[in-house]
Amino acid sequence: MSSQHAQHRLAAYSTPLILSAILLAFVAFVVILGDKALARTAAETLVRVTLVVGLWIFVGNSGVISFGHAGYMAIGAYCSAWLTLKPQSKALFLPDLPPWLMDAQWPVLPAAIASGLLAALVALLSGAAILRLSGIAASIATFAFLAIVNTVYSNWEGVTGATSSVVGLTRYVDHWVALAWAVAAIVAANLYANSASGLALRATREDEVAAKASGIDMYRHRLWSLVISAFFTGISGALLGHSIGVLNPDSFYLGITFISLAMLVVGGIGSLSGAVIGVLLLSLLIELLVRAERGITIGATQFALPSGSQEILIGVAMIFVLILRPAGLTGGREFKLRLTLPRIPLSQEPTSTN
């Protein structure tokens, strides 16, 4: 029995190795092609992996659909801007920042970690109230949180620039940096999912009443998962800002909310592997549709999709996936290595000799 348990544990911990290898192969393929536009697309895709894996830490384990994670993403993105922008740029775009923040100019790595920590702190405070609700009520409350964050950041002109774009962020996030953070998010998500808290939280997802009757503190485990989830979501916001070099509150509202949930649902909300595969496949589909809207030349014929086709076709793809594969493309299963440990023979009792 202990040998089987060890095999299951080792197989579970092989999932991040497989997913990391898939992402590494993806980046290697992009590097071999040598296309700069494709390299930027790869970086954005890997930032989405960090975002969706962060979202999965909460949604996938708790079963509560969250519409508010784009809010944590915005908090992380603007925190990184406050810490890394040059003082001259902050004086121009963000004149109401406090003096200690106006003069701050942190290295990018500590700024990214601080952005995740600020998002996690906000998640701790907001989740303390939101997670006392359950089911659809909790989901609606997360959407209300997103609306509050968007309203504040869209009107706090001296601190966030309001609806004007904040420009001048260092564009240090390439496909290698994004890959490192995506792998870190995958490892952390896997460790949490296989921890005592993660297993207890998934028990509440399957049967809330039975889990409570077994003494599981659902509120505490949900709050803990939300804090970890918001940390990586906040970092993904910082990465996105330093990938495109521009911040605007509308970049962290309904569009990114629905596309991240679509990626999670298409891949399979019940597994970490589904979260990663959903991002890769939908990102590929988005890139193909964007290029098709710009126009594709086939022989002597110029073919272009009507503007706005991208959103429509992604919606159609989601409908087909939900009809044909309600549990997502991975069916809620993880990618695992089949590991076989040597069996330890049971000790035999000594036989008496006459």
Protein backbone atom coordinates (compact mmCIF):
# COMPACT_ATOMS: atom_id res chain seq x y z
CA MET A 1 0.00 0.00 0.00
CA SER A 2 2.81 2.42 0.91
CA SER A 3 4.56 1.55 -2.39
CA GLN A 4 1.39 2.43 -4.37
CA HIS A 5 1.03 5.69 -2.43
CA ALA A 6 4.64 6.62 -3.25
CA GLN A 7 4.03 5.86 -6.93
CA HIS A 8 0.97 8.12 -6.99
CA ARG A 9 2.90 10.93 -5.29
CA LEU A 10 5.82 10.67 -7.69
CA ALA A 11 3.47 10.54 -10.69
CA ALA A 12 1.69 13.66 -9.43
CA TYR A 13 4.97 15.54 -9.10
CA SER A 14 5.93 14.56 -12.65
CA THR A 15 3.18 16.81 -14.05
CA PRO A 16 5.16 20.08 -13.81
CA LEU A 17 8.14 18.39 -15.48
CA ILE A 18 6.01 17.40 -18.47
CA LEU A 19 4.30 20.79 -18.74
CA SER A 20 7.62 22.63 -18.39
CA ALA A 21 9.09 20.45 -21.14
CA ILE A 22 6.14 21.33 -23.42
CA LEU A 23 6.67 25.06 -22.80
CA LEU A 24 10.42 24.74 -23.32
CA ALA A 25 9.85 22.94 -26.62
CA PHE A 26 7.43 25.72 -27.61
CA VAL A 27 10.05 28.42 -26.89
CA ALA A 28 12.80 26.43 -28.62
CA PHE A 29 10.62 26.14 -31.74
CA VAL A 30 10.06 29.92 -31.72
CA VAL A 31 13.79 30.59 -31.29
CA ILE A 32 14.65 28.27 -34.18
CA LEU A 33 12.21 30.08 -36.48
CA GLY A 34 13.85 33.42 -35.60
CA ASP A 35 10.67 35.46 -36.19
CA LYS A 36 10.61 38.54 -33.90
CA ALA A 37 6.84 38.94 -34.16
CA LEU A 38 6.40 35.28 -33.25
CA ALA A 39 8.81 35.72 -30.31
CA ARG A 40 6.64 38.56 -28.95
CA THR A 41 3.56 36.37 -29.37
CA ALA A 42 5.34 33.56 -27.50
CA ALA A 43 6.16 35.92 -24.62
CA GLU A 44 2.52 37.06 -24.40
CA THR A 45 1.38 33.43 -24.49
CA LEU A 46 3.68 32.50 -21.60
CA VAL A 47 2.46 35.51 -19.61
CA ARG A 48 -1.05 34.14 -20.15
CA VAL A 49 0.16 30.76 -18.85
CA THR A 50 1.25 32.46 -15.61
CA LEU A 51 -2.13 34.22 -15.41
CA VAL A 52 -4.30 31.16 -16.13
CA VAL A 53 -2.26 28.84 -13.89
CA GLY A 54 -2.59 31.44 -11.13
CA LEU A 55 -6.34 31.53 -11.77
CA TRP A 56 -6.46 27.70 -11.70
CA ILE A 57 -4.89 27.57 -8.23
CA PHE A 58 -8.12 29.05 -6.89
CA VAL A 59 -10.80 28.14 -9.43
CA GLY A 60 -9.58 24.64 -10.24
CA ASN A 61 -9.21 23.58 -6.63
CA SER A 62 -12.20 25.35 -5.08
CA GLY A 63 -14.72 25.05 -7.92
CA VAL A 64 -15.69 28.72 -7.42
CA ILE A 65 -15.61 30.69 -10.70
CA SER A 66 -13.79 33.98 -10.16
CA PHE A 67 -14.32 37.03 -12.36
CA GLY A 68 -12.10 39.20 -10.17
CA HIS A 69 -8.60 37.99 -10.94
CA ALA A 70 -8.08 40.66 -13.60
CA GLY A 71 -8.34 43.09 -10.67
CA TYR A 72 -5.36 41.45 -8.96
CA MET A 73 -3.58 41.56 -12.30
CA ALA A 74 -4.14 45.33 -12.51
CA ILE A 75 -2.89 45.80 -8.95
CA GLY A 76 0.31 43.94 -9.76
CA ALA A 77 0.85 45.77 -13.06
CA TYR A 78 0.50 49.26 -11.58
CA CYS A 79 2.57 48.36 -8.51
CA SER A 80 5.43 47.35 -10.82
CA ALA A 81 5.04 50.64 -12.71
CA TRP A 82 5.21 52.63 -9.46
CA LEU A 83 8.41 50.85 -8.45
CA THR A 84 10.28 50.74 -11.78
CA LEU A 85 9.37 53.86 -13.76
CA LYS A 86 11.93 56.64 -13.81
CA PRO A 87 11.12 59.52 -11.39
CA GLN A 88 10.81 61.93 -14.34
CA SER A 89 8.15 59.74 -15.95
CA LYS A 90 6.27 59.37 -12.67
CA ALA A 91 6.30 63.12 -12.15
CA LEU A 92 4.76 63.51 -15.61
CA PHE A 93 2.17 60.69 -15.59
CA LEU A 94 1.61 60.03 -11.86
CA PRO A 95 2.16 63.34 -10.03
CA ASP A 96 0.23 62.42 -6.86
CA LEU A 97 2.41 59.48 -5.82
CA PRO A 98 3.91 59.87 -2.31
CA PRO A 99 7.53 61.10 -2.28
CA TRP A 100 9.02 57.75 -1.23
CA LEU A 101 7.28 56.05 -4.13
CA MET A 102 8.02 58.89 -6.55
CA ASP A 103 11.76 58.46 -5.98
CA ALA A 104 11.73 54.64 -5.97
CA GLN A 105 13.39 52.87 -8.88
CA TRP A 106 13.64 49.17 -8.05
CA PRO A 107 15.25 46.39 -10.08
CA VAL A 108 12.66 44.51 -12.12
CA LEU A 109 12.78 41.19 -10.22
CA PRO A 110 12.13 42.62 -6.71
CA ALA A 111 9.46 44.85 -8.25
CA ALA A 112 7.70 41.83 -9.79
CA ILE A 113 7.78 39.96 -6.47
CA ALA A 114 6.51 43.04 -4.61
CA SER A 115 3.69 43.33 -7.17
CA GLY A 116 2.65 39.75 -6.45
CA LEU A 117 2.82 40.35 -2.70
CA LEU A 118 0.62 43.46 -2.94
CA ALA A 119 -1.93 41.54 -5.00
CA ALA A 120 -1.82 38.72 -2.44
CA LEU A 121 -2.38 41.19 0.41
CA VAL A 122 -5.41 42.68 -1.36
CA ALA A 123 -6.68 39.13 -1.98
CA LEU A 124 -6.35 38.37 1.73
CA LEU A 125 -8.41 41.44 2.64
CA SER A 126 -11.03 41.11 -0.11
CA GLY A 127 -11.24 37.33 0.18
CA ALA A 128 -11.89 37.56 3.90
CA ALA A 129 -15.29 39.03 2.98
CA ILE A 130 -16.00 37.46 -0.42
CA LEU A 131 -15.25 33.87 0.57
CA ARG A 132 -17.84 33.89 3.33
CA LEU A 133 -20.20 33.47 0.39
CA SER A 134 -20.41 30.35 -1.72
CA GLY A 135 -21.43 29.27 -5.20
CA ILE A 136 -22.86 31.85 -7.59
CA ALA A 137 -23.01 34.49 -4.84
CA ALA A 138 -19.21 34.30 -4.41
CA SER A 139 -18.72 34.54 -8.19
CA ILE A 140 -20.90 37.65 -8.40
CA ALA A 141 -18.96 39.16 -5.49
CA THR A 142 -15.68 38.62 -7.36
CA PHE A 143 -17.15 40.46 -10.35
CA ALA A 144 -18.12 43.32 -8.04
CA PHE A 145 -14.51 43.41 -6.80
CA LEU A 146 -13.28 43.65 -10.40
CA ALA A 147 -15.68 46.53 -11.09
CA ILE A 148 -14.45 48.37 -7.96
CA VAL A 149 -10.79 47.99 -8.94
CA ASN A 150 -11.46 49.12 -12.50
CA THR A 151 -13.44 52.15 -11.33
CA VAL A 152 -10.75 53.20 -8.85
CA TYR A 153 -7.88 52.75 -11.30
CA SER A 154 -9.83 54.50 -14.09
CA ASN A 155 -10.44 57.61 -11.97
CA TRP A 156 -7.40 57.93 -9.68
CA GLU A 157 -5.67 60.20 -12.16
CA GLY A 158 -2.69 61.36 -10.13
CA VAL A 159 -1.73 57.82 -9.04
CA THR A 160 -2.72 55.53 -11.93
CA GLY A 161 -3.06 57.96 -14.81
CA ALA A 162 -6.80 57.19 -14.97
CA THR A 163 -7.88 56.28 -18.49
CA SER A 164 -4.71 57.76 -19.97
CA SER A 165 -2.05 55.19 -20.75
CA VAL A 166 1.06 55.02 -18.60
CA VAL A 167 4.03 54.59 -20.94
CA GLY A 168 7.75 54.15 -20.49
CA LEU A 169 7.88 50.78 -18.73
CA THR A 170 11.05 48.82 -19.35
CA ARG A 171 10.27 46.07 -21.87
CA TYR A 172 12.45 43.40 -20.32
CA VAL A 173 9.97 40.52 -20.59
CA ASP A 174 10.94 38.27 -23.47
CA HIS A 175 10.06 34.61 -24.04
CA TRP A 176 12.80 33.39 -21.68
CA VAL A 177 11.72 35.61 -18.76
CA ALA A 178 8.08 34.71 -19.34
CA LEU A 179 9.02 31.02 -19.52
CA ALA A 180 10.81 31.18 -16.15
CA TRP A 181 7.77 32.70 -14.43
CA ALA A 182 5.37 30.29 -16.17
CA VAL A 183 7.42 27.31 -14.93
CA ALA A 184 7.53 28.81 -11.42
CA ALA A 185 3.74 29.20 -11.44
CA ILE A 186 3.25 25.61 -12.66
CA VAL A 187 5.54 24.19 -9.95
CA ALA A 188 3.82 26.24 -7.22
CA ALA A 189 0.36 25.23 -8.48
CA ASN A 190 1.32 21.55 -8.47
CA LEU A 191 2.85 21.74 -4.99
CA TYR A 192 -0.27 23.42 -3.65
CA ALA A 193 -2.65 21.01 -5.38
CA ASN A 194 -0.87 18.04 -3.78
CA SER A 195 -0.51 19.66 -0.35
CA ALA A 196 -2.84 18.95 2.56
CA SER A 197 -4.62 22.27 1.95
CA GLY A 198 -5.06 21.62 -1.77
CA LEU A 199 -6.42 18.11 -1.25
CA ALA A 200 -8.81 19.37 1.43
CA LEU A 201 -9.99 22.18 -0.85
CA ARG A 202 -10.69 19.77 -3.70
CA ALA A 203 -12.71 17.66 -1.28
CA THR A 204 -14.94 20.69 -0.65
CA ARG A 205 -15.24 21.14 -4.42
CA GLU A 206 -16.56 17.61 -4.85
CA ASP A 207 -18.95 17.57 -1.87
CA GLU A 208 -19.16 20.65 0.29
CA VAL A 209 -21.49 19.16 2.89
CA ALA A 210 -19.47 15.97 3.34
CA ALA A 211 -16.23 17.96 3.58
CA LYS A 212 -17.65 20.17 6.31
CA ALA A 213 -18.94 17.11 8.15
CA SER A 214 -15.39 15.69 8.01
CA GLY A 215 -14.08 18.77 9.82
CA ILE A 216 -12.50 20.55 6.82
CA ASP A 217 -12.30 24.33 7.27
CA MET A 218 -13.47 25.32 3.80
CA TYR A 219 -13.18 29.07 4.43
CA ARG A 220 -9.53 28.89 5.52
CA HIS A 221 -8.44 26.69 2.62
CA ARG A 222 -10.28 28.82 0.05
CA LEU A 223 -8.70 31.99 1.45
CA TRP A 224 -5.23 30.45 1.41
CA SER A 225 -5.64 29.32 -2.22
CA LEU A 226 -6.93 32.77 -3.23
CA VAL A 227 -3.85 34.45 -1.71
CA ILE A 228 -1.45 32.15 -3.59
CA SER A 229 -3.52 32.54 -6.75
CA ALA A 230 -3.49 36.35 -6.53
CA PHE A 231 0.29 36.36 -6.03
CA PHE A 232 0.92 34.78 -9.42
CA THR A 233 -1.90 36.74 -11.04
CA GLY A 234 -0.33 39.97 -9.80
CA ILE A 235 3.03 38.90 -11.20
CA SER A 236 1.40 38.15 -14.55
CA GLY A 237 0.09 41.73 -14.58
CA ALA A 238 3.60 43.06 -13.96
CA LEU A 239 4.94 40.82 -16.74
CA LEU A 240 2.27 41.99 -19.17
CA GLY A 241 3.07 45.64 -18.46
CA HIS A 242 6.79 45.10 -19.00
CA SER A 243 6.08 43.05 -22.12
CA ILE A 244 4.13 45.73 -24.00
CA GLY A 245 5.54 48.78 -22.15
CA VAL A 246 2.13 50.45 -21.69
CA LEU A 247 -0.56 50.27 -18.99
CA ASN A 248 -4.23 51.14 -19.20
CA PRO A 249 -7.01 50.10 -16.77
CA ASP A 250 -9.14 48.74 -19.62
CA SER A 251 -6.41 46.18 -20.37
CA PHE A 252 -7.36 44.51 -17.08
CA TYR A 253 -11.11 44.37 -17.32
CA LEU A 254 -13.67 42.25 -19.17
CA GLY A 255 -11.55 41.25 -22.16
CA ILE A 256 -8.75 39.59 -20.21
CA THR A 257 -11.28 38.17 -17.72
CA PHE A 258 -13.29 36.26 -20.31
CA ILE A 259 -10.34 35.11 -22.41
CA SER A 260 -8.55 33.69 -19.34
CA LEU A 261 -11.70 31.86 -18.23
CA ALA A 262 -12.19 30.60 -21.81
CA MET A 263 -8.66 29.18 -21.83
CA LEU A 264 -9.28 27.47 -18.50
CA VAL A 265 -12.62 26.00 -19.57
CA VAL A 266 -11.42 24.83 -23.00
CA GLY A 267 -8.36 23.10 -21.60
CA GLY A 268 -10.17 21.60 -18.64
CA ILE A 269 -10.88 23.41 -15.41
CA GLY A 270 -10.27 20.28 -13.36
CA SER A 271 -6.56 19.90 -14.07
CA LEU A 272 -3.36 21.95 -14.16
CA SER A 273 -2.50 20.31 -17.49
CA GLY A 274 -5.82 21.57 -18.88
CA ALA A 275 -5.00 25.14 -17.85
CA VAL A 276 -1.67 25.09 -19.71
CA ILE A 277 -2.97 23.29 -22.81
CA GLY A 278 -5.97 25.62 -22.99
CA VAL A 279 -3.67 28.66 -23.05
CA LEU A 280 -1.43 27.21 -25.76
CA LEU A 281 -4.27 26.12 -28.05
CA LEU A 282 -6.40 29.24 -27.71
CA SER A 283 -3.36 31.50 -28.05
CA LEU A 284 -2.51 29.70 -31.28
CA LEU A 285 -6.09 30.11 -32.48
CA ILE A 286 -6.08 33.82 -31.56
CA GLU A 287 -2.83 34.41 -33.45
CA LEU A 288 -4.16 32.63 -36.53
CA LEU A 289 -7.40 34.62 -36.45
CA VAL A 290 -5.57 37.93 -35.96
CA ARG A 291 -3.39 37.21 -38.98
CA ALA A 292 -6.47 36.14 -40.94
CA GLU A 293 -8.17 39.46 -40.12
CA ARG A 294 -5.10 41.31 -41.42
CA GLY A 295 -5.21 39.29 -44.58
CA ILE A 296 -3.61 36.10 -45.87
CA THR A 297 -2.32 35.72 -49.41
CA ILE A 298 -2.94 32.30 -50.98
CA GLY A 299 -1.46 32.24 -54.44
CA ALA A 300 -2.89 35.24 -56.25
CA THR A 301 -5.87 35.54 -53.89
CA GLN A 302 -6.00 37.85 -50.87
CA PHE A 303 -8.18 36.44 -48.10
CA ALA A 304 -9.20 38.36 -44.97
CA LEU A 305 -11.76 37.72 -42.24
CA PRO A 306 -14.14 40.55 -41.30
CA SER A 307 -13.07 42.66 -38.34
CA GLY A 308 -14.33 41.20 -35.05
CA SER A 309 -14.34 37.62 -36.32
CA GLN A 310 -11.76 36.66 -33.70
CA GLU A 311 -14.15 36.99 -30.74
CA ILE A 312 -17.01 35.30 -32.60
CA LEU A 313 -14.96 32.30 -33.70
CA ILE A 314 -13.41 31.86 -30.24
CA GLY A 315 -16.93 31.82 -28.81
CA VAL A 316 -17.98 29.23 -31.39
CA ALA A 317 -14.93 27.11 -30.55
CA MET A 318 -15.82 27.28 -26.83
CA ILE A 319 -19.37 26.13 -27.55
CA PHE A 320 -18.16 23.15 -29.59
CA VAL A 321 -15.65 22.15 -26.90
CA LEU A 322 -18.28 22.38 -24.16
CA ILE A 323 -20.71 20.27 -26.21
CA LEU A 324 -18.21 17.61 -27.25
CA ARG A 325 -15.92 17.69 -24.19
CA PRO A 326 -17.82 19.18 -21.21
CA ALA A 327 -14.83 18.57 -18.93
CA GLY A 328 -12.43 20.28 -21.35
CA LEU A 329 -9.91 18.90 -23.81
CA THR A 330 -7.94 17.09 -21.10
CA GLY A 331 -11.09 15.77 -19.43
CA GLY A 332 -9.79 16.88 -16.03
CA ARG A 333 -6.83 14.49 -16.24
CA GLU A 334 -3.21 15.41 -15.57
CA PHE A 335 -0.21 14.58 -17.72
CA LYS A 336 1.82 12.12 -15.63
CA LEU A 337 4.73 9.76 -16.05
CA ARG A 338 4.07 6.10 -15.33
CA LEU A 339 6.49 5.26 -12.57
CA THR A 340 7.01 1.77 -11.19
CA LEU A 341 8.84 1.32 -7.93
CA PRO A 342 10.35 -2.05 -7.00
CA ARG A 343 8.12 -4.07 -4.73
CA ILE A 344 9.46 -4.67 -1.25
CA PRO A 345 8.80 -8.32 -0.34
CA LEU A 346 6.99 -8.94 2.89
CA SER A 347 9.15 -10.51 5.55
CA GLN A 348 8.24 -14.10 6.19
CA GLU A 349 7.95 -15.55 9.65
CA PRO A 350 10.70 -18.01 10.48
CA THR A 351 9.65 -21.64 10.36
CA SER A 352 10.39 -23.84 13.33
CA THR A 353 12.57 -26.89 12.79
CA ASN A 354 12.37 -30.02 14.82
